[in-house]
Amino acid sequence: MADKPSRSLVLYGDGLARFIDSSSSHHLHSLASLSSCSLLSLSNSPPSESEDDRILREFALLLDASSKTHQQTLPDRFMGMKAAIFTNHSGLKSFSTKLGFSVVQLDQLVKQQTSESQHSDVVAVELLKLLGFQEGKVLDNNQFDLVFLHIGAGEKVNGSEQNADVELVDALVGAIMRQGQPGSDVGSRLHLSVVMSYGKVLEDDESRFSVSKKVDEKDSCFSTLYPLQSYAMKGGAPRKDVRHHSPMLIAQLQHAVTRKDNTQKFSFQDFIENGGNLTIPADRFLHEIAFKMWKAPKYGA
């Protein structure tokens, strides 16, 4: 446990997980090799769910903003937490405002600079300023405790545009990691989460990205004796609606706070084989971050 509360930055690549290139995306892979990596399980999509509805539903899961809690703002639920979100998605802006976020149009942050390197560095500096990190120092007064950057509004249909979004996330990860080197003031207080989802489920996703028990376990005569995995449980009872495939991929890094596992690549296969936290429900995500920020009690072990 850190001796001071963390300040959290979340880069959320909505629907971008399937576009991560194993031979490029070098900063994402570097992050994964230093981080605690896991999978976030989601609920099943309702029939005929629109892409806009999917974006809102999955974001609500990340915030544990169910029908019982969405009437409360984040400051109400998490000890006055101050949060901001950058997004271009109109529905997400409205929803986030109701939850107590300060909402900013993503295009106001992501502007063209003279080069891609300078571009990502400028954006990283601006994001960190909002959390009270400036010129390598940690200021006592920070505007926000939590900043979300939502990239990939879901309306894009061709791979080239989505690949560009992955490249943007990758470049930002590199720029942020340069600002928060091990042993630095920023590195000791910044809790960085990179979350990448698969977006709309495709026909072969269930077979490619399954997080449930292996086939040989299911076929075993002892299969009925295997307990449900923890991500499928809540309050000691089975969850009613769990999707056992196409989870979100998440890598988290805060130097001397998060544990490093054996993951080397930001990929589903590497996370499920080597991730330190295996699969957890997506609705626990914000609770775990709030604990690091001293805004909530510890959840789970």
C-alpha atoms as a PDB file:
ATOM      1  CA  MET A   1       0.000   0.000   0.000  1.00  0.00           C
ATOM      2  CA  ALA A   2       1.354   3.432  -0.963  1.00  0.00           C
ATOM      3  CA  ASP A   3       1.908   6.059   1.729  1.00  0.00           C
ATOM      4  CA  LYS A   4      -0.022   8.638  -0.321  1.00  0.00           C
ATOM      5  CA  PRO A   5      -3.173   8.357  -2.463  1.00  0.00           C
ATOM      6  CA  SER A   6      -2.772   7.624  -6.160  1.00  0.00           C
ATOM      7  CA  ARG A   7      -4.113   9.796  -8.948  1.00  0.00           C
ATOM      8  CA  SER A   8      -5.588   7.796 -11.779  1.00  0.00           C
ATOM      9  CA  LEU A   9      -5.449   8.085 -15.563  1.00  0.00           C
ATOM     10  CA  VAL A  10      -7.527   5.657 -17.644  1.00  0.00           C
ATOM     11  CA  LEU A  11      -6.987   5.281 -21.391  1.00  0.00           C
ATOM     12  CA  TYR A  12     -10.043   3.452 -22.697  1.00  0.00           C
ATOM     13  CA  GLY A  13      -9.788   2.054 -26.228  1.00  0.00           C
ATOM     14  CA  ASP A  14     -13.444   1.285 -26.970  1.00  0.00           C
ATOM     15  CA  GLY A  15     -13.640  -1.549 -29.514  1.00  0.00           C
ATOM     16  CA  LEU A  16      -9.922  -1.396 -30.301  1.00  0.00           C
ATOM     17  CA  ALA A  17      -8.589  -4.636 -28.764  1.00  0.00           C
ATOM     18  CA  ARG A  18      -8.940  -6.631 -31.988  1.00  0.00           C
ATOM     19  CA  PHE A  19      -6.828  -4.067 -33.895  1.00  0.00           C
ATOM     20  CA  ILE A  20      -3.722  -4.265 -31.698  1.00  0.00           C
ATOM     21  CA  ASP A  21      -0.833  -5.510 -33.840  1.00  0.00           C
ATOM     22  CA  SER A  22       1.500  -8.030 -32.234  1.00  0.00           C
ATOM     23  CA  SER A  23       4.413  -6.754 -34.330  1.00  0.00           C
ATOM     24  CA  SER A  24       3.813  -3.059 -33.666  1.00  0.00           C
ATOM     25  CA  SER A  25       1.993  -1.254 -30.796  1.00  0.00           C
ATOM     26  CA  HIS A  26       5.384  -1.333 -29.085  1.00  0.00           C
ATOM     27  CA  HIS A  27       4.428   0.935 -26.195  1.00  0.00           C
ATOM     28  CA  LEU A  28       1.330  -1.124 -25.352  1.00  0.00           C
ATOM     29  CA  HIS A  29       3.429  -4.285 -25.283  1.00  0.00           C
ATOM     30  CA  SER A  30       6.066  -2.547 -23.171  1.00  0.00           C
ATOM     31  CA  LEU A  31       3.395  -1.440 -20.718  1.00  0.00           C
ATOM     32  CA  ALA A  32       2.002  -4.973 -20.488  1.00  0.00           C
ATOM     33  CA  SER A  33       5.475  -6.350 -19.725  1.00  0.00           C
ATOM     34  CA  LEU A  34       5.756  -4.020 -16.702  1.00  0.00           C
ATOM     35  CA  SER A  35       2.168  -4.164 -15.479  1.00  0.00           C
ATOM     36  CA  SER A  36      -0.435  -6.165 -13.661  1.00  0.00           C
ATOM     37  CA  CYS A  37      -2.659  -7.490 -16.457  1.00  0.00           C
ATOM     38  CA  SER A  38      -6.114  -9.030 -16.349  1.00  0.00           C
ATOM     39  CA  LEU A  39      -9.415  -9.512 -18.160  1.00  0.00           C
ATOM     40  CA  LEU A  40     -12.669  -7.726 -17.342  1.00  0.00           C
ATOM     41  CA  SER A  41     -15.776  -9.826 -17.942  1.00  0.00           C
ATOM     42  CA  LEU A  42     -18.882  -8.178 -19.367  1.00  0.00           C
ATOM     43  CA  SER A  43     -22.571  -8.997 -19.573  1.00  0.00           C
ATOM     44  CA  ASN A  44     -24.252 -10.323 -22.713  1.00  0.00           C
ATOM     45  CA  SER A  45     -25.523  -7.846 -25.274  1.00  0.00           C
ATOM     46  CA  PRO A  46     -29.310  -7.485 -25.385  1.00  0.00           C
ATOM     47  CA  PRO A  47     -30.947  -8.502 -28.690  1.00  0.00           C
ATOM     48  CA  SER A  48     -30.710  -5.840 -31.393  1.00  0.00           C
ATOM     49  CA  GLU A  49     -28.497  -3.625 -29.253  1.00  0.00           C
ATOM     50  CA  SER A  50     -27.298  -0.575 -31.153  1.00  0.00           C
ATOM     51  CA  GLU A  51     -23.652   0.456 -31.146  1.00  0.00           C
ATOM     52  CA  ASP A  52     -24.465   3.582 -29.148  1.00  0.00           C
ATOM     53  CA  ASP A  53     -26.302   1.474 -26.565  1.00  0.00           C
ATOM     54  CA  ARG A  54     -23.339  -0.913 -26.346  1.00  0.00           C
ATOM     55  CA  ILE A  55     -20.938   1.941 -25.691  1.00  0.00           C
ATOM     56  CA  LEU A  56     -23.091   3.258 -22.849  1.00  0.00           C
ATOM     57  CA  ARG A  57     -23.769  -0.187 -21.349  1.00  0.00           C
ATOM     58  CA  GLU A  58     -20.112  -1.211 -21.245  1.00  0.00           C
ATOM     59  CA  PHE A  59     -18.987   2.148 -19.854  1.00  0.00           C
ATOM     60  CA  ALA A  60     -21.687   1.899 -17.187  1.00  0.00           C
ATOM     61  CA  LEU A  61     -20.338  -1.539 -16.244  1.00  0.00           C
ATOM     62  CA  LEU A  62     -16.834  -0.119 -15.807  1.00  0.00           C
ATOM     63  CA  LEU A  63     -18.248   2.432 -13.371  1.00  0.00           C
ATOM     64  CA  ASP A  64     -20.605  -0.047 -11.677  1.00  0.00           C
ATOM     65  CA  ALA A  65     -23.350   2.434 -12.562  1.00  0.00           C
ATOM     66  CA  SER A  66     -26.307   0.041 -12.358  1.00  0.00           C
ATOM     67  CA  SER A  67     -29.937   1.088 -12.120  1.00  0.00           C
ATOM     68  CA  LYS A  68     -29.484   1.246  -8.338  1.00  0.00           C
ATOM     69  CA  THR A  69     -26.385   3.433  -8.366  1.00  0.00           C
ATOM     70  CA  HIS A  70     -26.600   5.643 -11.454  1.00  0.00           C
ATOM     71  CA  GLN A  71     -28.741   8.157  -9.568  1.00  0.00           C
ATOM     72  CA  GLN A  72     -25.707   8.829  -7.361  1.00  0.00           C
ATOM     73  CA  THR A  73     -22.749  10.795  -8.659  1.00  0.00           C
ATOM     74  CA  LEU A  74     -19.144   9.637  -8.364  1.00  0.00           C
ATOM     75  CA  PRO A  75     -18.444  12.224  -5.624  1.00  0.00           C
ATOM     76  CA  ASP A  76     -21.401  10.811  -3.671  1.00  0.00           C
ATOM     77  CA  ARG A  77     -20.205   7.218  -4.014  1.00  0.00           C
ATOM     78  CA  PHE A  78     -16.462   7.721  -3.668  1.00  0.00           C
ATOM     79  CA  MET A  79     -15.692  10.299  -0.983  1.00  0.00           C
ATOM     80  CA  GLY A  80     -15.816  13.410  -3.127  1.00  0.00           C
ATOM     81  CA  MET A  81     -13.919  11.941  -6.078  1.00  0.00           C
ATOM     82  CA  LYS A  82     -13.247  14.555  -8.767  1.00  0.00           C
ATOM     83  CA  ALA A  83     -13.375  13.034 -12.253  1.00  0.00           C
ATOM     84  CA  ALA A  84     -13.119  14.203 -15.857  1.00  0.00           C
ATOM     85  CA  ILE A  85     -13.725  12.434 -19.160  1.00  0.00           C
ATOM     86  CA  PHE A  86     -12.631  13.288 -22.691  1.00  0.00           C
ATOM     87  CA  THR A  87     -14.869  11.779 -25.370  1.00  0.00           C
ATOM     88  CA  ASN A  88     -16.460  12.582 -28.718  1.00  0.00           C
ATOM     89  CA  HIS A  89     -19.491  10.362 -28.108  1.00  0.00           C
ATOM     90  CA  SER A  90     -22.584  12.486 -27.452  1.00  0.00           C
ATOM     91  CA  GLY A  91     -24.445   9.834 -25.461  1.00  0.00           C
ATOM     92  CA  LEU A  92     -21.427   9.205 -23.264  1.00  0.00           C
ATOM     93  CA  LYS A  93     -21.099  12.923 -22.584  1.00  0.00           C
ATOM     94  CA  SER A  94     -24.673  13.144 -21.333  1.00  0.00           C
ATOM     95  CA  PHE A  95     -24.394   9.976 -19.254  1.00  0.00           C
ATOM     96  CA  SER A  96     -21.071  11.040 -17.718  1.00  0.00           C
ATOM     97  CA  THR A  97     -22.429  14.468 -16.814  1.00  0.00           C
ATOM     98  CA  LYS A  98     -25.216  12.817 -14.811  1.00  0.00           C
ATOM     99  CA  LEU A  99     -22.595  10.783 -12.957  1.00  0.00           C
ATOM    100  CA  GLY A 100     -20.696  13.908 -11.920  1.00  0.00           C
ATOM    101  CA  PHE A 101     -17.887  13.919 -14.486  1.00  0.00           C
ATOM    102  CA  SER A 102     -16.513  17.107 -15.936  1.00  0.00           C
ATOM    103  CA  VAL A 103     -16.941  16.394 -19.658  1.00  0.00           C
ATOM    104  CA  VAL A 104     -14.660  17.708 -22.408  1.00  0.00           C
ATOM    105  CA  GLN A 105     -14.828  17.130 -26.159  1.00  0.00           C
ATOM    106  CA  LEU A 106     -11.935  14.832 -27.064  1.00  0.00           C
ATOM    107  CA  ASP A 107     -11.062  16.937 -30.119  1.00  0.00           C
ATOM    108  CA  GLN A 108     -10.300  19.852 -27.804  1.00  0.00           C
ATOM    109  CA  LEU A 109      -7.464  17.814 -26.297  1.00  0.00           C
ATOM    110  CA  VAL A 110      -6.211  15.822 -29.277  1.00  0.00           C
ATOM    111  CA  LYS A 111      -4.927  18.447 -31.712  1.00  0.00           C
ATOM    112  CA  GLN A 112      -2.527  18.179 -34.625  1.00  0.00           C
ATOM    113  CA  GLN A 113       1.068  19.080 -33.809  1.00  0.00           C
ATOM    114  CA  THR A 114       4.112  19.198 -36.048  1.00  0.00           C
ATOM    115  CA  SER A 115       4.805  15.479 -35.566  1.00  0.00           C
ATOM    116  CA  GLU A 116       3.139  12.419 -34.050  1.00  0.00           C
ATOM    117  CA  SER A 117       5.785  12.292 -31.314  1.00  0.00           C
ATOM    118  CA  GLN A 118       5.246  15.905 -30.310  1.00  0.00           C
ATOM    119  CA  HIS A 119       1.496  15.397 -30.567  1.00  0.00           C
ATOM    120  CA  SER A 120       1.384  12.544 -28.050  1.00  0.00           C
ATOM    121  CA  ASP A 121       3.835  14.258 -25.712  1.00  0.00           C
ATOM    122  CA  VAL A 122       1.727  17.437 -25.619  1.00  0.00           C
ATOM    123  CA  VAL A 123      -1.474  15.466 -24.949  1.00  0.00           C
ATOM    124  CA  ALA A 124       0.233  13.443 -22.203  1.00  0.00           C
ATOM    125  CA  VAL A 125       1.479  16.604 -20.493  1.00  0.00           C
ATOM    126  CA  GLU A 126      -2.007  18.148 -20.596  1.00  0.00           C
ATOM    127  CA  LEU A 127      -3.620  15.012 -19.151  1.00  0.00           C
ATOM    128  CA  LEU A 128      -1.092  14.806 -16.335  1.00  0.00           C
ATOM    129  CA  LYS A 129      -1.547  18.490 -15.496  1.00  0.00           C
ATOM    130  CA  LEU A 130      -5.194  17.803 -14.732  1.00  0.00           C
ATOM    131  CA  LEU A 131      -4.062  15.266 -12.130  1.00  0.00           C
ATOM    132  CA  GLY A 132      -1.593  17.675 -10.552  1.00  0.00           C
ATOM    133  CA  PHE A 133       1.563  16.381 -12.248  1.00  0.00           C
ATOM    134  CA  GLN A 134       3.579  19.214 -13.714  1.00  0.00           C
ATOM    135  CA  GLU A 135       7.225  19.425 -14.819  1.00  0.00           C
ATOM    136  CA  GLY A 136       7.968  16.133 -13.099  1.00  0.00           C
ATOM    137  CA  LYS A 137       6.545  17.273  -9.758  1.00  0.00           C
ATOM    138  CA  VAL A 138       3.419  16.327  -7.817  1.00  0.00           C
ATOM    139  CA  LEU A 139       1.431  19.424  -6.876  1.00  0.00           C
ATOM    140  CA  ASP A 140      -0.570  19.453  -3.663  1.00  0.00           C
ATOM    141  CA  ASN A 141      -3.637  20.820  -5.413  1.00  0.00           C
ATOM    142  CA  ASN A 142      -4.927  18.677  -8.264  1.00  0.00           C
ATOM    143  CA  GLN A 143      -7.942  19.566 -10.378  1.00  0.00           C
ATOM    144  CA  PHE A 144      -9.027  15.909 -10.694  1.00  0.00           C
ATOM    145  CA  ASP A 145      -8.409  12.595  -8.961  1.00  0.00           C
ATOM    146  CA  LEU A 146      -9.458  10.547 -11.999  1.00  0.00           C
ATOM    147  CA  VAL A 147      -9.231  11.296 -15.723  1.00  0.00           C
ATOM    148  CA  PHE A 148     -10.777   9.076 -18.419  1.00  0.00           C
ATOM    149  CA  LEU A 149      -9.752   9.329 -22.068  1.00  0.00           C
ATOM    150  CA  HIS A 150     -12.325   7.531 -24.261  1.00  0.00           C
ATOM    151  CA  ILE A 151     -11.008   6.743 -27.751  1.00  0.00           C
ATOM    152  CA  GLY A 152     -13.042   4.902 -30.373  1.00  0.00           C
ATOM    153  CA  ALA A 153     -16.614   6.164 -30.436  1.00  0.00           C
ATOM    154  CA  GLY A 154     -17.873   3.056 -32.217  1.00  0.00           C
ATOM    155  CA  GLU A 155     -19.220   4.739 -35.307  1.00  0.00           C
ATOM    156  CA  LYS A 156     -16.193   3.836 -37.429  1.00  0.00           C
ATOM    157  CA  VAL A 157     -16.459   0.807 -39.680  1.00  0.00           C
ATOM    158  CA  ASN A 158     -13.200   0.565 -41.583  1.00  0.00           C
ATOM    159  CA  GLY A 159     -10.061  -0.842 -40.052  1.00  0.00           C
ATOM    160  CA  SER A 160      -7.753   1.958 -41.132  1.00  0.00           C
ATOM    161  CA  GLU A 161      -9.465   4.519 -38.901  1.00  0.00           C
ATOM    162  CA  GLN A 162      -9.541   2.147 -35.952  1.00  0.00           C
ATOM    163  CA  ASN A 163      -5.890   1.293 -36.508  1.00  0.00           C
ATOM    164  CA  ALA A 164      -5.188   5.018 -36.263  1.00  0.00           C
ATOM    165  CA  ASP A 165      -6.963   5.062 -32.899  1.00  0.00           C
ATOM    166  CA  VAL A 166      -4.808   2.171 -31.681  1.00  0.00           C
ATOM    167  CA  GLU A 167      -1.715   4.072 -32.827  1.00  0.00           C
ATOM    168  CA  LEU A 168      -2.900   7.108 -30.867  1.00  0.00           C
ATOM    169  CA  VAL A 169      -3.373   5.041 -27.689  1.00  0.00           C
ATOM    170  CA  ASP A 170       0.019   3.410 -28.234  1.00  0.00           C
ATOM    171  CA  ALA A 171       1.750   6.770 -28.675  1.00  0.00           C
ATOM    172  CA  LEU A 172       0.052   8.199 -25.581  1.00  0.00           C
ATOM    173  CA  VAL A 173       1.120   5.197 -23.509  1.00  0.00           C
ATOM    174  CA  GLY A 174       4.720   5.783 -24.572  1.00  0.00           C
ATOM    175  CA  ALA A 175       4.530   9.500 -23.759  1.00  0.00           C
ATOM    176  CA  ILE A 176       2.948   8.908 -20.341  1.00  0.00           C
ATOM    177  CA  MET A 177       5.483   6.232 -19.430  1.00  0.00           C
ATOM    178  CA  ARG A 178       8.295   8.665 -20.280  1.00  0.00           C
ATOM    179  CA  GLN A 179       6.763  11.195 -17.887  1.00  0.00           C
ATOM    180  CA  GLY A 180       6.389   8.636 -15.094  1.00  0.00           C
ATOM    181  CA  GLN A 181       9.701   6.798 -14.983  1.00  0.00           C
ATOM    182  CA  PRO A 182      10.476   4.445 -12.065  1.00  0.00           C
ATOM    183  CA  GLY A 183      11.787   6.415  -9.099  1.00  0.00           C
ATOM    184  CA  SER A 184      10.238   9.689 -10.261  1.00  0.00           C
ATOM    185  CA  ASP A 185       7.670  11.643  -8.253  1.00  0.00           C
ATOM    186  CA  VAL A 186       5.109  11.175 -11.022  1.00  0.00           C
ATOM    187  CA  GLY A 187       5.770   7.454 -11.365  1.00  0.00           C
ATOM    188  CA  SER A 188       5.195   6.881  -7.659  1.00  0.00           C
ATOM    189  CA  ARG A 189       1.763   8.572  -7.612  1.00  0.00           C
ATOM    190  CA  LEU A 190       0.308   7.985 -11.084  1.00  0.00           C
ATOM    191  CA  HIS A 191      -1.923   4.927 -11.409  1.00  0.00           C
ATOM    192  CA  LEU A 192      -2.228   4.236 -15.143  1.00  0.00           C
ATOM    193  CA  SER A 193      -4.884   1.891 -16.533  1.00  0.00           C
ATOM    194  CA  VAL A 194      -5.138   1.002 -20.205  1.00  0.00           C
ATOM    195  CA  VAL A 195      -8.416  -0.741 -21.037  1.00  0.00           C
ATOM    196  CA  MET A 196      -9.073  -2.142 -24.511  1.00  0.00           C
ATOM    197  CA  SER A 197     -12.423  -3.701 -25.403  1.00  0.00           C
ATOM    198  CA  TYR A 198     -13.541  -5.765 -28.403  1.00  0.00           C
ATOM    199  CA  GLY A 199     -16.665  -3.705 -29.027  1.00  0.00           C
ATOM    200  CA  LYS A 200     -19.414  -5.395 -30.989  1.00  0.00           C
ATOM    201  CA  VAL A 201     -19.105  -9.194 -30.786  1.00  0.00           C
ATOM    202  CA  LEU A 202     -18.271 -10.934 -34.057  1.00  0.00           C
ATOM    203  CA  GLU A 203     -19.279 -14.431 -35.141  1.00  0.00           C
ATOM    204  CA  ASP A 204     -16.104 -16.271 -34.115  1.00  0.00           C
ATOM    205  CA  ASP A 205     -15.293 -14.268 -30.985  1.00  0.00           C
ATOM    206  CA  GLU A 206     -16.745 -16.881 -28.627  1.00  0.00           C
ATOM    207  CA  SER A 207     -14.261 -19.500 -29.813  1.00  0.00           C
ATOM    208  CA  ARG A 208     -11.309 -17.114 -30.134  1.00  0.00           C
ATOM    209  CA  PHE A 209     -11.626 -15.174 -26.869  1.00  0.00           C
ATOM    210  CA  SER A 210     -13.201 -17.568 -24.361  1.00  0.00           C
ATOM    211  CA  VAL A 211     -12.407 -17.081 -20.655  1.00  0.00           C
ATOM    212  CA  SER A 212     -14.479 -20.028 -19.405  1.00  0.00           C
ATOM    213  CA  LYS A 213     -13.221 -23.492 -18.426  1.00  0.00           C
ATOM    214  CA  LYS A 214     -11.193 -25.429 -20.951  1.00  0.00           C
ATOM    215  CA  VAL A 215     -12.932 -27.981 -23.161  1.00  0.00           C
ATOM    216  CA  ASP A 216     -11.131 -30.895 -21.540  1.00  0.00           C
ATOM    217  CA  GLU A 217     -12.396 -29.754 -18.133  1.00  0.00           C
ATOM    218  CA  LYS A 218     -15.969 -29.521 -19.417  1.00  0.00           C
ATOM    219  CA  ASP A 219     -15.777 -33.012 -20.864  1.00  0.00           C
ATOM    220  CA  SER A 220     -14.354 -34.495 -17.685  1.00  0.00           C
ATOM    221  CA  CYS A 221     -16.549 -36.715 -15.557  1.00  0.00           C
ATOM    222  CA  PHE A 222     -15.697 -34.318 -12.698  1.00  0.00           C
ATOM    223  CA  SER A 223     -16.949 -31.233 -14.557  1.00  0.00           C
ATOM    224  CA  THR A 224     -19.920 -30.786 -12.226  1.00  0.00           C
ATOM    225  CA  LEU A 225     -17.527 -30.520  -9.279  1.00  0.00           C
ATOM    226  CA  TYR A 226     -15.699 -27.489 -10.667  1.00  0.00           C
ATOM    227  CA  PRO A 227     -16.873 -24.328  -8.873  1.00  0.00           C
ATOM    228  CA  LEU A 228     -17.906 -21.273 -10.825  1.00  0.00           C
ATOM    229  CA  GLN A 229     -15.001 -18.929 -11.446  1.00  0.00           C
ATOM    230  CA  SER A 230     -14.994 -15.847  -9.253  1.00  0.00           C
ATOM    231  CA  TYR A 231     -15.891 -13.465 -12.076  1.00  0.00           C
ATOM    232  CA  ALA A 232     -19.204 -15.349 -12.441  1.00  0.00           C
ATOM    233  CA  MET A 233     -20.107 -14.833  -8.772  1.00  0.00           C
ATOM    234  CA  LYS A 234     -21.425 -11.891  -6.789  1.00  0.00           C
ATOM    235  CA  GLY A 235     -22.282 -11.908  -3.103  1.00  0.00           C
ATOM    236  CA  GLY A 236     -21.864 -15.670  -2.950  1.00  0.00           C
ATOM    237  CA  ALA A 237     -24.419 -16.292  -5.707  1.00  0.00           C
ATOM    238  CA  PRO A 238     -23.987 -16.868  -9.454  1.00  0.00           C
ATOM    239  CA  ARG A 239     -24.295 -13.768 -11.591  1.00  0.00           C
ATOM    240  CA  LYS A 240     -27.367 -13.957 -13.809  1.00  0.00           C
ATOM    241  CA  ASP A 241     -25.856 -12.518 -16.963  1.00  0.00           C
ATOM    242  CA  VAL A 242     -22.167 -13.138 -17.674  1.00  0.00           C
ATOM    243  CA  ARG A 243     -20.532 -13.244 -21.093  1.00  0.00           C
ATOM    244  CA  HIS A 244     -17.804 -15.865 -20.996  1.00  0.00           C
ATOM    245  CA  HIS A 245     -15.871 -14.475 -23.952  1.00  0.00           C
ATOM    246  CA  SER A 246     -14.598 -11.213 -25.477  1.00  0.00           C
ATOM    247  CA  PRO A 247     -13.606  -9.528 -22.212  1.00  0.00           C
ATOM    248  CA  MET A 248     -11.890  -6.187 -21.903  1.00  0.00           C
ATOM    249  CA  LEU A 249      -8.096  -6.317 -21.662  1.00  0.00           C
ATOM    250  CA  ILE A 250      -6.577  -4.216 -18.908  1.00  0.00           C
ATOM    251  CA  ALA A 251      -3.000  -3.381 -17.937  1.00  0.00           C
ATOM    252  CA  GLN A 252      -2.349  -1.330 -14.798  1.00  0.00           C
ATOM    253  CA  LEU A 253       0.898   0.267 -13.703  1.00  0.00           C
ATOM    254  CA  GLN A 254       1.992   2.282 -10.712  1.00  0.00           C
ATOM    255  CA  HIS A 255       5.618   1.871  -9.754  1.00  0.00           C
ATOM    256  CA  ALA A 256       6.097   0.148  -6.374  1.00  0.00           C
ATOM    257  CA  VAL A 257       2.320  -0.322  -6.030  1.00  0.00           C
ATOM    258  CA  THR A 258       1.040  -2.655  -8.759  1.00  0.00           C
ATOM    259  CA  ARG A 259       2.512  -6.139  -9.083  1.00  0.00           C
ATOM    260  CA  LYS A 260       4.334  -7.200 -12.212  1.00  0.00           C
ATOM    261  CA  ASP A 261       3.194 -10.504 -13.706  1.00  0.00           C
ATOM    262  CA  ASN A 262       4.614 -12.639 -16.537  1.00  0.00           C
ATOM    263  CA  THR A 263       2.749 -10.956 -19.379  1.00  0.00           C
ATOM    264  CA  GLN A 264       4.919  -9.735 -22.261  1.00  0.00           C
ATOM    265  CA  LYS A 265       2.380  -8.720 -24.935  1.00  0.00           C
ATOM    266  CA  PHE A 266      -0.830  -6.707 -24.820  1.00  0.00           C
ATOM    267  CA  SER A 267      -2.957  -9.552 -26.167  1.00  0.00           C
ATOM    268  CA  PHE A 268      -5.810 -11.788 -25.077  1.00  0.00           C
ATOM    269  CA  GLN A 269      -3.724 -14.951 -25.279  1.00  0.00           C
ATOM    270  CA  ASP A 270      -0.885 -13.561 -23.189  1.00  0.00           C
ATOM    271  CA  PHE A 271      -3.253 -12.055 -20.616  1.00  0.00           C
ATOM    272  CA  ILE A 272      -5.211 -15.272 -20.108  1.00  0.00           C
ATOM    273  CA  GLU A 273      -2.031 -17.374 -19.858  1.00  0.00           C
ATOM    274  CA  ASN A 274       0.192 -15.010 -17.869  1.00  0.00           C
ATOM    275  CA  GLY A 275      -1.976 -12.256 -16.393  1.00  0.00           C
ATOM    276  CA  GLY A 276      -1.658 -11.947 -12.629  1.00  0.00           C
ATOM    277  CA  ASN A 277      -5.317 -11.205 -11.890  1.00  0.00           C
ATOM    278  CA  LEU A 278      -6.992 -13.587 -14.374  1.00  0.00           C
ATOM    279  CA  THR A 279     -10.639 -12.559 -14.997  1.00  0.00           C
ATOM    280  CA  ILE A 280     -12.577 -10.151 -12.790  1.00  0.00           C
ATOM    281  CA  PRO A 281     -16.002  -8.555 -13.301  1.00  0.00           C
ATOM    282  CA  ALA A 282     -15.867  -5.216 -15.102  1.00  0.00           C
ATOM    283  CA  ASP A 283     -18.056  -3.640 -12.414  1.00  0.00           C
ATOM    284  CA  ARG A 284     -15.182  -4.016  -9.885  1.00  0.00           C
ATOM    285  CA  PHE A 285     -12.846  -1.856 -11.982  1.00  0.00           C
ATOM    286  CA  LEU A 286     -13.656   1.561 -10.518  1.00  0.00           C
ATOM    287  CA  HIS A 287     -13.850   0.214  -6.964  1.00  0.00           C
ATOM    288  CA  GLU A 288     -10.274  -1.085  -7.229  1.00  0.00           C
ATOM    289  CA  ILE A 289      -9.017   2.225  -8.609  1.00  0.00           C
ATOM    290  CA  ALA A 290     -10.907   4.175  -5.931  1.00  0.00           C
ATOM    291  CA  PHE A 291      -9.141   2.079  -3.291  1.00  0.00           C
ATOM    292  CA  LYS A 292      -5.767   3.125  -4.715  1.00  0.00           C
ATOM    293  CA  MET A 293      -6.944   6.750  -4.497  1.00  0.00           C
ATOM    294  CA  TRP A 294      -8.063   6.253  -0.878  1.00  0.00           C
ATOM    295  CA  LYS A 295     -11.656   6.825  -1.966  1.00  0.00           C
ATOM    296  CA  ALA A 296     -13.069   3.366  -1.195  1.00  0.00           C
ATOM    297  CA  PRO A 297     -12.379   0.323   0.998  1.00  0.00           C
ATOM    298  CA  LYS A 298     -10.561  -2.662  -0.445  1.00  0.00           C
ATOM    299  CA  TYR A 299     -12.725  -5.028  -2.484  1.00  0.00           C
ATOM    300  CA  GLY A 300     -11.911  -8.733  -2.386  1.00  0.00           C
ATOM    301  CA  ALA A 301      -8.648 -10.335  -1.277  1.00  0.00           C
END
